[in-house]
Amino acid sequence: MKKDDVVSCMLNSGIEVIGTLDTQTDTSIKLIRPMRVVLQQNNQLGLTTLMFSVSALDPISISKSNILVGPAQSREELVLEYQRVEVPQK
């Protein structure tokens, strides 16, 4: 994986996150425009803001100790949905 790839990871809490990879170290990853993957009532996957209290445009750092699975390349249909979703401006 490289900078600007759209990646997914499952946090220890069970939350699945998708975002644009900014940087990755041995201990953390930084995602730009991170979003939460949710299962909608029609059993389709949807996306919602990961954190409502911060700008969606600011990179978010996630400790690798809080990641259960990933980061891994996101499925193409989720990448397309992620790219389609409007992000609120600051």
Protein backbone atom coordinates (compact mmCIF):
# COMPACT_ATOMS: atom_id res chain seq x y z
CA MET A 1 0.00 0.00 0.00
CA LYS A 2 1.13 3.50 -0.75
CA LYS A 3 0.15 7.08 0.02
CA ASP A 4 -3.27 8.02 -1.41
CA ASP A 5 -4.50 4.40 -1.64
CA VAL A 6 -8.00 3.88 -0.25
CA VAL A 7 -7.68 1.36 2.58
CA SER A 8 -9.91 -0.31 5.14
CA CYS A 9 -9.27 -1.54 8.65
CA MET A 10 -11.30 -3.10 11.45
CA LEU A 11 -10.75 -1.50 14.83
CA ASN A 12 -10.70 -3.52 18.06
CA SER A 13 -14.07 -1.95 18.86
CA GLY A 14 -15.63 -3.60 15.79
CA ILE A 15 -15.85 -0.37 13.81
CA GLU A 16 -14.79 -0.74 10.18
CA VAL A 17 -13.03 2.32 8.78
CA ILE A 18 -12.22 3.32 5.21
CA GLY A 19 -9.95 6.22 4.31
CA THR A 20 -7.18 7.55 2.14
CA LEU A 21 -3.77 6.46 3.41
CA ASP A 22 -1.57 9.43 4.26
CA THR A 23 1.29 7.86 6.21
CA GLN A 24 2.07 4.59 7.95
CA THR A 25 4.67 3.84 10.62
CA ASP A 26 5.40 0.76 12.70
CA THR A 27 2.98 2.02 15.35
CA SER A 28 0.25 4.01 13.58
CA ILE A 29 -1.51 4.90 10.36
CA LYS A 30 -2.82 8.30 9.35
CA LEU A 31 -5.98 8.42 7.22
CA ILE A 32 -7.34 11.37 5.31
CA ARG A 33 -11.14 11.65 5.19
CA PRO A 34 -11.77 8.55 7.35
CA MET A 35 -15.30 7.20 7.23
CA ARG A 36 -17.17 4.48 9.08
CA VAL A 37 -18.56 1.56 7.06
CA VAL A 38 -22.13 0.75 8.16
CA LEU A 39 -24.70 -1.87 7.21
CA GLN A 40 -27.89 -0.18 6.08
CA GLN A 41 -31.44 -1.52 6.52
CA ASN A 42 -31.45 -2.85 2.95
CA ASN A 43 -28.31 -4.92 3.75
CA GLN A 44 -26.19 -2.64 1.57
CA LEU A 45 -22.98 -1.11 2.84
CA GLY A 46 -22.98 2.64 3.43
CA LEU A 47 -20.57 5.25 4.73
CA THR A 48 -20.89 7.83 7.46
CA THR A 49 -18.57 10.31 9.15
CA LEU A 50 -16.16 8.62 11.56
CA MET A 51 -15.90 11.57 13.97
CA PHE A 52 -18.51 14.33 13.96
CA SER A 53 -16.53 16.61 16.28
CA VAL A 54 -13.54 17.17 13.96
CA SER A 55 -13.17 18.29 10.37
CA ALA A 56 -13.59 15.37 7.97
CA LEU A 57 -10.75 16.85 5.93
CA ASP A 58 -8.14 16.66 8.72
CA PRO A 59 -6.01 13.48 8.83
CA ILE A 60 -6.76 11.13 11.73
CA SER A 61 -4.02 9.07 13.35
CA ILE A 62 -4.96 5.54 14.48
CA SER A 63 -2.64 3.49 16.67
CA LYS A 64 -1.95 0.06 15.18
CA SER A 65 -2.59 -1.39 18.65
CA ASN A 66 -6.24 -0.39 18.09
CA ILE A 67 -6.46 -2.16 14.71
CA LEU A 68 -7.67 -5.76 14.70
CA VAL A 69 -7.46 -6.31 10.92
CA GLY A 70 -5.70 -4.27 8.25
CA PRO A 71 -4.97 -1.86 6.88
CA ALA A 72 -5.83 -3.55 3.59
CA GLN A 73 -6.83 -2.43 0.11
CA SER A 74 -10.56 -1.61 0.04
CA ARG A 75 -12.96 -3.39 -2.31
CA GLU A 76 -13.50 -1.55 -5.58
CA GLU A 77 -17.24 -0.95 -5.03
CA LEU A 78 -16.51 0.64 -1.64
CA VAL A 79 -13.73 2.77 -3.12
CA LEU A 80 -16.21 4.08 -5.70
CA GLU A 81 -18.80 4.83 -3.00
CA TYR A 82 -16.13 6.48 -0.83
CA GLN A 83 -15.05 8.71 -3.71
CA ARG A 84 -18.69 9.59 -4.49
CA VAL A 85 -19.66 10.67 -0.94
CA GLU A 86 -19.60 14.43 -0.34
CA VAL A 87 -17.49 15.56 2.60
CA PRO A 88 -18.62 18.54 4.66
CA GLN A 89 -16.17 21.43 4.41
CA LYS A 90 -14.52 22.95 7.50
